[in-house]
Amino acid sequence: MLSGLENPWHWAVLLLVVLMVFGPKRLPELGRSLGRGIREFRSSVSVSDESPDERAVEPPPTSPGS
């Protein structure tokens, strides 16, 4: 399905179509939001990769009389 995308001309045509659809003023905004989303995804994945011991919250100490 995507076997022809290694051709540089296909990338150029794809870039031209994206430029025509979104316009030159909107492309930087799309790039920033995409980058922000990727950073948030990576940070959430790295938080979930921590072991449960690292994320566990210790319970408050109990008094010996209770």
Protein backbone atom coordinates (compact mmCIF):
# COMPACT_ATOMS: atom_id res chain seq x y z
CA MET A 1 0.00 0.00 0.00
CA LEU A 2 2.75 2.49 0.89
CA SER A 3 5.44 0.93 -1.27
CA GLY A 4 5.83 4.03 -3.46
CA LEU A 5 6.59 6.52 -0.69
CA GLU A 6 10.33 5.96 -0.87
CA ASN A 7 10.33 7.93 -4.13
CA PRO A 8 11.25 11.62 -3.49
CA TRP A 9 8.73 12.83 -6.07
CA HIS A 10 5.91 11.23 -4.12
CA TRP A 11 7.03 13.10 -0.99
CA ALA A 12 7.14 16.36 -2.94
CA VAL A 13 3.61 15.87 -4.26
CA LEU A 14 2.37 14.91 -0.81
CA LEU A 15 3.97 18.02 0.70
CA LEU A 16 2.41 20.18 -2.01
CA VAL A 17 -1.06 18.73 -1.35
CA VAL A 18 -0.70 19.25 2.41
CA LEU A 19 0.46 22.81 1.82
CA MET A 20 -2.53 23.50 -0.42
CA VAL A 21 -5.02 21.96 2.03
CA PHE A 22 -3.79 23.58 5.25
CA GLY A 23 -2.03 26.69 3.96
CA PRO A 24 1.37 28.09 4.87
CA LYS A 25 0.13 29.88 8.01
CA ARG A 26 -1.44 26.79 9.56
CA LEU A 27 1.45 24.34 9.00
CA PRO A 28 3.72 25.61 11.82
CA GLU A 29 0.80 25.42 14.24
CA LEU A 30 0.10 21.84 13.19
CA GLY A 31 3.76 20.94 13.63
CA ARG A 32 3.88 22.43 17.12
CA SER A 33 0.72 20.65 18.23
CA LEU A 34 1.97 17.37 16.80
CA GLY A 35 5.30 17.76 18.61
CA ARG A 36 3.54 18.65 21.86
CA GLY A 37 1.34 15.56 21.55
CA ILE A 38 4.32 13.31 20.92
CA ARG A 39 6.16 14.75 23.95
CA GLU A 40 3.11 14.21 26.18
CA PHE A 41 2.73 10.66 24.90
CA ARG A 42 6.39 9.87 25.57
CA SER A 43 6.24 11.32 29.06
CA SER A 44 3.12 9.32 29.89
CA VAL A 45 4.73 6.15 28.55
CA SER A 46 7.89 6.75 30.58
CA VAL A 47 5.80 7.26 33.73
CA SER A 48 3.96 3.99 33.14
CA ASP A 49 7.30 2.20 32.56
CA GLU A 50 8.37 2.84 36.16
CA SER A 51 8.17 -0.12 38.47
CA PRO A 52 5.23 -0.21 40.87
CA ASP A 53 7.66 0.25 43.79
CA GLU A 54 8.77 3.62 42.42
CA ARG A 55 5.19 4.87 42.03
CA ALA A 56 3.82 3.41 45.25
CA VAL A 57 2.92 5.85 47.96
CA GLU A 58 3.80 4.67 51.43
CA PRO A 59 0.90 4.64 53.88
CA PRO A 60 1.10 7.03 56.82
CA PRO A 61 2.71 5.56 59.93
CA THR A 62 0.33 4.25 62.54
CA SER A 63 0.77 4.88 66.22
CA PRO A 64 1.64 1.85 68.40
CA GLY A 65 -1.46 2.40 70.58
CA SER A 66 -4.03 1.96 67.83
